[in-house]
């Protein structure tokens, strides 16, 4: 099996488990993580009908790696196309995608959550969109999130920028099932999903992708807006201040 640096991949029968392996960096998203996730999905055979995506107990995924964005010399670090393609693959690929969230899912982490077909959570999971604190927008996340929870709830999460707990996420439909025994919860769902014929899954996912007003229609505007906000000098300065000094834009040096 291929060796990866930012994810760990294992296979149990028809189930492929992809775990983010950047725990020290908050499982943040960089170009390597995106490319490795895409490579892992590319390597799946027709016998794989379920893909489980998970992080760690404290953090599922904390969004973009600001340190990588700040010092980017590789154009891939600021190119949203691959990440959007990855989320689209999770939404419409020929498998059932399952996100297991045990800790914090923030910003781009919400993109992974919202893209998956089924979302399971533990009681300490929390969900937030922090982008606007830095002058950014969750441009690529929004089409996936709005598809799952509706435009107004996606807007509320965007504007409030605070974390919402797992019961709230369950009430809103961002989470499908919640249990303090995460492994038991996952096992119960996998026992049902393993019963689905591969051909039925492929046909169902193809049908979803062909429904009108979907994720593909939103792609051009989402990518253009993402590029705009990450190219804004004021936003880049706010990111630099946060990465270097841990301060948000309204906080004074000694506050």
C-alpha atoms as a PDB file:
ATOM      1  CA  UNK A   1       0.000   0.000   0.000  1.00  0.00           C
ATOM      2  CA  UNK A   2       1.187   3.536  -0.819  1.00  0.00           C
ATOM      3  CA  UNK A   3       2.911   5.390   2.016  1.00  0.00           C
ATOM      4  CA  UNK A   4       1.634   8.874   2.793  1.00  0.00           C
ATOM      5  CA  UNK A   5       2.969  11.652   5.018  1.00  0.00           C
ATOM      6  CA  UNK A   6      -0.204  13.580   5.874  1.00  0.00           C
ATOM      7  CA  UNK A   7      -2.794  10.803   6.012  1.00  0.00           C
ATOM      8  CA  UNK A   8      -2.977   7.183   7.138  1.00  0.00           C
ATOM      9  CA  UNK A   9      -4.930   4.807   4.910  1.00  0.00           C
ATOM     10  CA  UNK A  10      -6.172   1.317   5.759  1.00  0.00           C
ATOM     11  CA  UNK A  11      -8.637  -1.109   4.229  1.00  0.00           C
ATOM     12  CA  UNK A  12     -11.089  -3.500   5.862  1.00  0.00           C
ATOM     13  CA  UNK A  13     -13.027  -5.364   3.197  1.00  0.00           C
ATOM     14  CA  UNK A  14     -15.211  -2.864   1.331  1.00  0.00           C
ATOM     15  CA  UNK A  15     -14.339  -0.045   3.757  1.00  0.00           C
ATOM     16  CA  UNK A  16     -11.412   2.347   3.266  1.00  0.00           C
ATOM     17  CA  UNK A  17     -10.386   4.398   6.300  1.00  0.00           C
ATOM     18  CA  UNK A  18      -8.568   7.689   5.705  1.00  0.00           C
ATOM     19  CA  UNK A  19      -7.278   9.403   8.838  1.00  0.00           C
ATOM     20  CA  UNK A  20      -5.687  12.833   8.838  1.00  0.00           C
ATOM     21  CA  UNK A  21      -2.154  12.456  10.207  1.00  0.00           C
ATOM     22  CA  UNK A  22      -1.150  16.059  10.901  1.00  0.00           C
ATOM     23  CA  UNK A  23      -2.252  16.075  14.533  1.00  0.00           C
ATOM     24  CA  UNK A  24       0.587  18.363  15.676  1.00  0.00           C
ATOM     25  CA  UNK A  25      -0.574  20.916  13.097  1.00  0.00           C
ATOM     26  CA  UNK A  26      -4.241  20.582  14.002  1.00  0.00           C
ATOM     27  CA  UNK A  27      -4.833  18.387  10.959  1.00  0.00           C
ATOM     28  CA  UNK A  28      -4.779  21.578   8.924  1.00  0.00           C
ATOM     29  CA  UNK A  29      -5.118  21.468   5.163  1.00  0.00           C
ATOM     30  CA  UNK A  30      -2.087  21.903   2.925  1.00  0.00           C
ATOM     31  CA  UNK A  31      -1.356  20.924  -0.663  1.00  0.00           C
ATOM     32  CA  UNK A  32       0.177  17.606   0.377  1.00  0.00           C
ATOM     33  CA  UNK A  33      -2.859  16.538   2.390  1.00  0.00           C
ATOM     34  CA  UNK A  34      -5.185  17.365  -0.493  1.00  0.00           C
ATOM     35  CA  UNK A  35      -3.077  15.582  -3.108  1.00  0.00           C
ATOM     36  CA  UNK A  36      -2.656  12.518  -0.899  1.00  0.00           C
ATOM     37  CA  UNK A  37      -6.385  12.290  -0.203  1.00  0.00           C
ATOM     38  CA  UNK A  38      -7.069  12.494  -3.938  1.00  0.00           C
ATOM     39  CA  UNK A  39      -4.428   9.835  -4.608  1.00  0.00           C
ATOM     40  CA  UNK A  40      -5.973   7.547  -1.989  1.00  0.00           C
ATOM     41  CA  UNK A  41      -9.381   7.898  -3.621  1.00  0.00           C
ATOM     42  CA  UNK A  42      -7.861   7.371  -7.070  1.00  0.00           C
ATOM     43  CA  UNK A  43      -6.395   4.095  -5.828  1.00  0.00           C
ATOM     44  CA  UNK A  44      -9.707   2.594  -4.744  1.00  0.00           C
ATOM     45  CA  UNK A  45     -10.971  -0.425  -6.631  1.00  0.00           C
ATOM     46  CA  UNK A  46     -14.584  -1.270  -7.422  1.00  0.00           C
ATOM     47  CA  UNK A  47     -14.765  -3.408  -4.291  1.00  0.00           C
ATOM     48  CA  UNK A  48     -14.541  -0.348  -2.047  1.00  0.00           C
ATOM     49  CA  UNK A  49     -18.042   0.905  -1.331  1.00  0.00           C
ATOM     50  CA  UNK A  50     -17.461   3.004   1.808  1.00  0.00           C
ATOM     51  CA  UNK A  51     -14.827   5.645   2.629  1.00  0.00           C
ATOM     52  CA  UNK A  52     -14.493   6.798   6.241  1.00  0.00           C
ATOM     53  CA  UNK A  53     -12.745  10.085   6.934  1.00  0.00           C
ATOM     54  CA  UNK A  54     -11.633  10.904  10.476  1.00  0.00           C
ATOM     55  CA  UNK A  55      -9.183  12.983  12.471  1.00  0.00           C
ATOM     56  CA  UNK A  56      -8.266  12.576  16.142  1.00  0.00           C
ATOM     57  CA  UNK A  57     -10.052  12.906  19.473  1.00  0.00           C
ATOM     58  CA  UNK A  58      -9.200  16.594  19.844  1.00  0.00           C
ATOM     59  CA  UNK A  59      -9.269  17.763  16.251  1.00  0.00           C
ATOM     60  CA  UNK A  60     -10.964  16.544  13.107  1.00  0.00           C
ATOM     61  CA  UNK A  61      -9.580  19.281  10.835  1.00  0.00           C
ATOM     62  CA  UNK A  62      -8.813  22.889  11.749  1.00  0.00           C
ATOM     63  CA  UNK A  63      -9.015  24.338   8.245  1.00  0.00           C
ATOM     64  CA  UNK A  64      -6.282  25.863   6.116  1.00  0.00           C
ATOM     65  CA  UNK A  65      -2.662  25.669   7.221  1.00  0.00           C
ATOM     66  CA  UNK A  66      -2.047  29.400   7.665  1.00  0.00           C
ATOM     67  CA  UNK A  67       1.679  28.847   8.068  1.00  0.00           C
ATOM     68  CA  UNK A  68       1.771  27.229   4.628  1.00  0.00           C
ATOM     69  CA  UNK A  69      -0.360  30.015   3.135  1.00  0.00           C
ATOM     70  CA  UNK A  70       1.779  32.728   4.722  1.00  0.00           C
ATOM     71  CA  UNK A  71       5.066  31.389   3.396  1.00  0.00           C
ATOM     72  CA  UNK A  72       3.781  29.796   0.204  1.00  0.00           C
ATOM     73  CA  UNK A  73       6.283  29.418  -2.602  1.00  0.00           C
ATOM     74  CA  UNK A  74       4.310  26.508  -4.051  1.00  0.00           C
ATOM     75  CA  UNK A  75       1.330  27.869  -5.992  1.00  0.00           C
ATOM     76  CA  UNK A  76      -0.652  24.778  -4.950  1.00  0.00           C
ATOM     77  CA  UNK A  77      -0.913  26.122  -1.385  1.00  0.00           C
ATOM     78  CA  UNK A  78      -3.177  28.943  -2.569  1.00  0.00           C
ATOM     79  CA  UNK A  79      -4.950  27.051  -5.369  1.00  0.00           C
ATOM     80  CA  UNK A  80      -8.465  26.012  -4.322  1.00  0.00           C
ATOM     81  CA  UNK A  81      -9.245  23.832  -7.345  1.00  0.00           C
ATOM     82  CA  UNK A  82      -7.797  20.603  -5.950  1.00  0.00           C
ATOM     83  CA  UNK A  83      -9.565  20.977  -2.597  1.00  0.00           C
ATOM     84  CA  UNK A  84     -12.890  21.676  -4.296  1.00  0.00           C
ATOM     85  CA  UNK A  85     -12.310  18.634  -6.499  1.00  0.00           C
ATOM     86  CA  UNK A  86     -11.607  16.519  -3.404  1.00  0.00           C
ATOM     87  CA  UNK A  87     -14.800  17.608  -1.684  1.00  0.00           C
ATOM     88  CA  UNK A  88     -16.737  17.009  -4.897  1.00  0.00           C
ATOM     89  CA  UNK A  89     -15.286  13.496  -5.050  1.00  0.00           C
ATOM     90  CA  UNK A  90     -16.444  12.837  -1.480  1.00  0.00           C
ATOM     91  CA  UNK A  91     -19.907  14.113  -2.360  1.00  0.00           C
ATOM     92  CA  UNK A  92     -20.337  12.299  -5.666  1.00  0.00           C
ATOM     93  CA  UNK A  93     -17.672   9.577  -5.901  1.00  0.00           C
ATOM     94  CA  UNK A  94     -18.765   5.925  -6.409  1.00  0.00           C
ATOM     95  CA  UNK A  95     -18.753   5.141  -2.684  1.00  0.00           C
ATOM     96  CA  UNK A  96     -20.552   6.219   0.482  1.00  0.00           C
ATOM     97  CA  UNK A  97     -18.426   8.835   2.245  1.00  0.00           C
ATOM     98  CA  UNK A  98     -18.637   8.963   6.037  1.00  0.00           C
ATOM     99  CA  UNK A  99     -17.078  11.627   8.271  1.00  0.00           C
ATOM    100  CA  UNK A 100     -16.426  10.683  11.906  1.00  0.00           C
ATOM    101  CA  UNK A 101     -15.910  13.860  13.939  1.00  0.00           C
ATOM    102  CA  UNK A 102     -14.612  13.498  17.494  1.00  0.00           C
ATOM    103  CA  UNK A 103     -13.105  16.966  18.018  1.00  0.00           C
ATOM    104  CA  UNK A 104     -12.940  20.344  16.348  1.00  0.00           C
ATOM    105  CA  UNK A 105     -13.968  20.853  12.722  1.00  0.00           C
ATOM    106  CA  UNK A 106     -13.260  24.415  11.648  1.00  0.00           C
ATOM    107  CA  UNK A 107     -13.262  26.372   8.382  1.00  0.00           C
ATOM    108  CA  UNK A 108     -12.095  23.988   5.637  1.00  0.00           C
ATOM    109  CA  UNK A 109     -12.718  21.145   8.070  1.00  0.00           C
ATOM    110  CA  UNK A 110     -16.410  21.965   7.679  1.00  0.00           C
ATOM    111  CA  UNK A 111     -15.935  21.492   3.943  1.00  0.00           C
ATOM    112  CA  UNK A 112     -14.848  17.894   4.525  1.00  0.00           C
ATOM    113  CA  UNK A 113     -17.780  17.341   6.886  1.00  0.00           C
ATOM    114  CA  UNK A 114     -20.409  18.880   4.621  1.00  0.00           C
ATOM    115  CA  UNK A 115     -19.114  17.057   1.537  1.00  0.00           C
ATOM    116  CA  UNK A 116     -19.547  13.617   3.095  1.00  0.00           C
ATOM    117  CA  UNK A 117     -22.749  11.654   2.591  1.00  0.00           C
ATOM    118  CA  UNK A 118     -23.033  10.702   6.264  1.00  0.00           C
ATOM    119  CA  UNK A 119     -21.639  12.572   9.289  1.00  0.00           C
ATOM    120  CA  UNK A 120     -21.185  10.901  12.680  1.00  0.00           C
ATOM    121  CA  UNK A 121     -20.024  12.743  15.790  1.00  0.00           C
ATOM    122  CA  UNK A 122     -18.939  12.261  19.363  1.00  0.00           C
ATOM    123  CA  UNK A 123     -20.144  14.487  22.225  1.00  0.00           C
ATOM    124  CA  UNK A 124     -16.991  16.648  22.204  1.00  0.00           C
ATOM    125  CA  UNK A 125     -17.200  17.478  18.513  1.00  0.00           C
ATOM    126  CA  UNK A 126     -17.607  21.140  17.631  1.00  0.00           C
ATOM    127  CA  UNK A 127     -18.117  22.940  14.365  1.00  0.00           C
ATOM    128  CA  UNK A 128     -17.150  26.465  13.314  1.00  0.00           C
ATOM    129  CA  UNK A 129     -16.382  28.774  10.406  1.00  0.00           C
ATOM    130  CA  UNK A 130     -13.701  31.250  11.504  1.00  0.00           C
ATOM    131  CA  UNK A 131     -12.818  32.705   8.086  1.00  0.00           C
ATOM    132  CA  UNK A 132     -14.433  36.127   8.467  1.00  0.00           C
ATOM    133  CA  UNK A 133     -12.353  36.865  11.573  1.00  0.00           C
ATOM    134  CA  UNK A 134      -9.426  37.141   9.141  1.00  0.00           C
ATOM    135  CA  UNK A 135     -11.340  38.967   6.412  1.00  0.00           C
ATOM    136  CA  UNK A 136     -11.687  35.720   4.468  1.00  0.00           C
ATOM    137  CA  UNK A 137     -14.829  33.939   3.272  1.00  0.00           C
ATOM    138  CA  UNK A 138     -15.748  30.237   3.348  1.00  0.00           C
ATOM    139  CA  UNK A 139     -16.258  30.512  -0.404  1.00  0.00           C
ATOM    140  CA  UNK A 140     -15.522  26.898  -1.294  1.00  0.00           C
ATOM    141  CA  UNK A 141     -17.184  25.506   1.833  1.00  0.00           C
ATOM    142  CA  UNK A 142     -20.471  27.349   1.289  1.00  0.00           C
ATOM    143  CA  UNK A 143     -21.939  25.319  -1.613  1.00  0.00           C
ATOM    144  CA  UNK A 144     -21.362  22.061   0.274  1.00  0.00           C
ATOM    145  CA  UNK A 145     -22.565  23.414   3.620  1.00  0.00           C
ATOM    146  CA  UNK A 146     -25.686  25.086   2.218  1.00  0.00           C
ATOM    147  CA  UNK A 147     -26.582  21.883   0.409  1.00  0.00           C
ATOM    148  CA  UNK A 148     -26.561  20.088   3.758  1.00  0.00           C
ATOM    149  CA  UNK A 149     -28.038  22.588   6.246  1.00  0.00           C
ATOM    150  CA  UNK A 150     -29.682  25.254   4.052  1.00  0.00           C
ATOM    151  CA  UNK A 151     -28.504  28.736   3.117  1.00  0.00           C
ATOM    152  CA  UNK A 152     -29.642  30.570   6.242  1.00  0.00           C
ATOM    153  CA  UNK A 153     -27.950  28.228   8.705  1.00  0.00           C
ATOM    154  CA  UNK A 154     -24.805  28.273   6.573  1.00  0.00           C
ATOM    155  CA  UNK A 155     -24.973  32.064   6.622  1.00  0.00           C
ATOM    156  CA  UNK A 156     -25.461  32.140  10.403  1.00  0.00           C
ATOM    157  CA  UNK A 157     -22.413  29.934  10.956  1.00  0.00           C
ATOM    158  CA  UNK A 158     -20.396  32.153   8.603  1.00  0.00           C
ATOM    159  CA  UNK A 159     -21.325  35.433  10.278  1.00  0.00           C
ATOM    160  CA  UNK A 160     -21.169  34.287  13.907  1.00  0.00           C
ATOM    161  CA  UNK A 161     -17.707  32.634  13.492  1.00  0.00           C
ATOM    162  CA  UNK A 162     -18.139  30.807  16.819  1.00  0.00           C
ATOM    163  CA  UNK A 163     -18.140  27.092  17.541  1.00  0.00           C
ATOM    164  CA  UNK A 164     -21.379  25.115  17.723  1.00  0.00           C
ATOM    165  CA  UNK A 165     -21.537  21.892  19.713  1.00  0.00           C
ATOM    166  CA  UNK A 166     -22.499  18.458  18.459  1.00  0.00           C
ATOM    167  CA  UNK A 167     -26.142  18.521  19.670  1.00  0.00           C
ATOM    168  CA  UNK A 168     -26.675  21.818  17.825  1.00  0.00           C
ATOM    169  CA  UNK A 169     -25.057  20.404  14.694  1.00  0.00           C
ATOM    170  CA  UNK A 170     -27.323  17.364  14.969  1.00  0.00           C
ATOM    171  CA  UNK A 171     -30.390  19.583  15.261  1.00  0.00           C
ATOM    172  CA  UNK A 172     -29.348  21.535  12.165  1.00  0.00           C
ATOM    173  CA  UNK A 173     -28.637  18.438  10.089  1.00  0.00           C
ATOM    174  CA  UNK A 174     -24.894  18.985   9.799  1.00  0.00           C
ATOM    175  CA  UNK A 175     -24.498  15.789  11.858  1.00  0.00           C
ATOM    176  CA  UNK A 176     -26.632  12.720  11.167  1.00  0.00           C
ATOM    177  CA  UNK A 177     -25.982  10.704  14.338  1.00  0.00           C
ATOM    178  CA  UNK A 178     -24.370  11.424  17.711  1.00  0.00           C
ATOM    179  CA  UNK A 179     -23.082   9.016  20.358  1.00  0.00           C
ATOM    180  CA  UNK A 180     -20.432   9.178  23.076  1.00  0.00           C
ATOM    181  CA  UNK A 181     -19.254   5.743  21.906  1.00  0.00           C
ATOM    182  CA  UNK A 182     -17.853   6.833  18.561  1.00  0.00           C
ATOM    183  CA  UNK A 183     -16.450   3.466  17.539  1.00  0.00           C
ATOM    184  CA  UNK A 184     -19.738   1.728  18.313  1.00  0.00           C
ATOM    185  CA  UNK A 185     -21.605   4.386  16.351  1.00  0.00           C
ATOM    186  CA  UNK A 186     -19.307   3.922  13.369  1.00  0.00           C
ATOM    187  CA  UNK A 187     -19.546   0.131  13.555  1.00  0.00           C
ATOM    188  CA  UNK A 188     -23.350   0.220  13.544  1.00  0.00           C
ATOM    189  CA  UNK A 189     -23.412   2.386  10.445  1.00  0.00           C
ATOM    190  CA  UNK A 190     -20.805   0.334   8.618  1.00  0.00           C
ATOM    191  CA  UNK A 191     -22.752  -2.862   9.304  1.00  0.00           C
ATOM    192  CA  UNK A 192     -25.668  -1.388   7.340  1.00  0.00           C
ATOM    193  CA  UNK A 193     -23.622   0.261   4.613  1.00  0.00           C
ATOM    194  CA  UNK A 194     -21.776  -2.986   3.854  1.00  0.00           C
ATOM    195  CA  UNK A 195     -25.125  -4.444   2.751  1.00  0.00           C
ATOM    196  CA  UNK A 196     -25.556  -1.975  -0.107  1.00  0.00           C
ATOM    197  CA  UNK A 197     -24.717  -3.317  -3.583  1.00  0.00           C
ATOM    198  CA  UNK A 198     -21.839  -1.478  -5.229  1.00  0.00           C
ATOM    199  CA  UNK A 199     -23.844  -0.926  -8.407  1.00  0.00           C
ATOM    200  CA  UNK A 200     -26.651   0.731  -6.461  1.00  0.00           C
ATOM    201  CA  UNK A 201     -24.200   3.098  -4.759  1.00  0.00           C
ATOM    202  CA  UNK A 202     -22.589   4.053  -8.078  1.00  0.00           C
ATOM    203  CA  UNK A 203     -25.983   4.686  -9.657  1.00  0.00           C
ATOM    204  CA  UNK A 204     -27.211   6.717  -6.675  1.00  0.00           C
ATOM    205  CA  UNK A 205     -24.113   8.908  -6.538  1.00  0.00           C
ATOM    206  CA  UNK A 206     -24.268   9.513 -10.290  1.00  0.00           C
ATOM    207  CA  UNK A 207     -27.902  10.552  -9.883  1.00  0.00           C
ATOM    208  CA  UNK A 208     -26.966  13.033  -7.130  1.00  0.00           C
ATOM    209  CA  UNK A 209     -24.281  14.578  -9.324  1.00  0.00           C
ATOM    210  CA  UNK A 210     -26.753  15.115 -12.162  1.00  0.00           C
ATOM    211  CA  UNK A 211     -29.394  16.907 -10.092  1.00  0.00           C
ATOM    212  CA  UNK A 212     -29.744  20.582 -11.159  1.00  0.00           C
ATOM    213  CA  UNK A 213     -28.292  23.543  -9.236  1.00  0.00           C
ATOM    214  CA  UNK A 214     -25.615  21.414  -7.639  1.00  0.00           C
ATOM    215  CA  UNK A 215     -22.045  21.858  -6.521  1.00  0.00           C
ATOM    216  CA  UNK A 216     -20.646  22.068 -10.055  1.00  0.00           C
ATOM    217  CA  UNK A 217     -22.773  25.129 -10.840  1.00  0.00           C
ATOM    218  CA  UNK A 218     -21.275  26.937  -7.844  1.00  0.00           C
ATOM    219  CA  UNK A 219     -17.655  26.053  -8.681  1.00  0.00           C
ATOM    220  CA  UNK A 220     -16.585  29.110 -10.805  1.00  0.00           C
ATOM    221  CA  UNK A 221     -17.839  31.721  -8.332  1.00  0.00           C
ATOM    222  CA  UNK A 222     -16.564  29.778  -5.310  1.00  0.00           C
ATOM    223  CA  UNK A 223     -13.047  29.451  -6.741  1.00  0.00           C
ATOM    224  CA  UNK A 224     -12.880  33.075  -7.905  1.00  0.00           C
ATOM    225  CA  UNK A 225     -13.991  34.373  -4.502  1.00  0.00           C
ATOM    226  CA  UNK A 226     -11.529  32.126  -2.685  1.00  0.00           C
ATOM    227  CA  UNK A 227      -8.671  33.483  -4.785  1.00  0.00           C
ATOM    228  CA  UNK A 228      -9.809  37.064  -4.188  1.00  0.00           C
ATOM    229  CA  UNK A 229      -9.894  36.876  -0.391  1.00  0.00           C
ATOM    230  CA  UNK A 230      -6.574  35.016  -0.132  1.00  0.00           C
ATOM    231  CA  UNK A 231      -4.906  37.635  -2.359  1.00  0.00           C
ATOM    232  CA  UNK A 232      -6.086  40.619  -0.295  1.00  0.00           C
ATOM    233  CA  UNK A 233      -3.035  42.248   1.396  1.00  0.00           C
ATOM    234  CA  UNK A 234      -5.031  43.157   4.517  1.00  0.00           C
ATOM    235  CA  UNK A 235      -6.157  39.559   4.951  1.00  0.00           C
ATOM    236  CA  UNK A 236      -2.633  38.251   4.431  1.00  0.00           C
ATOM    237  CA  UNK A 237      -1.408  40.718   7.069  1.00  0.00           C
ATOM    238  CA  UNK A 238      -4.071  39.459   9.481  1.00  0.00           C
ATOM    239  CA  UNK A 239      -2.982  35.882   8.845  1.00  0.00           C
ATOM    240  CA  UNK A 240       0.680  36.818   9.399  1.00  0.00           C
ATOM    241  CA  UNK A 241      -0.210  38.530  12.690  1.00  0.00           C
ATOM    242  CA  UNK A 242      -2.115  35.469  13.866  1.00  0.00           C
ATOM    243  CA  UNK A 243       0.569  32.981  12.813  1.00  0.00           C
ATOM    244  CA  UNK A 244       3.447  35.027  14.240  1.00  0.00           C
ATOM    245  CA  UNK A 245       1.859  36.532  17.344  1.00  0.00           C
ATOM    246  CA  UNK A 246      -1.412  34.669  17.964  1.00  0.00           C
ATOM    247  CA  UNK A 247      -3.417  37.899  17.726  1.00  0.00           C
ATOM    248  CA  UNK A 248      -6.634  38.531  15.851  1.00  0.00           C
ATOM    249  CA  UNK A 249      -6.874  41.765  13.882  1.00  0.00           C
ATOM    250  CA  UNK A 250      -8.734  43.751  16.583  1.00  0.00           C
ATOM    251  CA  UNK A 251      -6.460  42.682  19.448  1.00  0.00           C
ATOM    252  CA  UNK A 252      -3.687  44.990  20.637  1.00  0.00           C
ATOM    253  CA  UNK A 253      -0.119  43.683  21.151  1.00  0.00           C
ATOM    254  CA  UNK A 254      -0.346  43.319  24.945  1.00  0.00           C
ATOM    255  CA  UNK A 255      -4.031  42.508  25.179  1.00  0.00           C
END
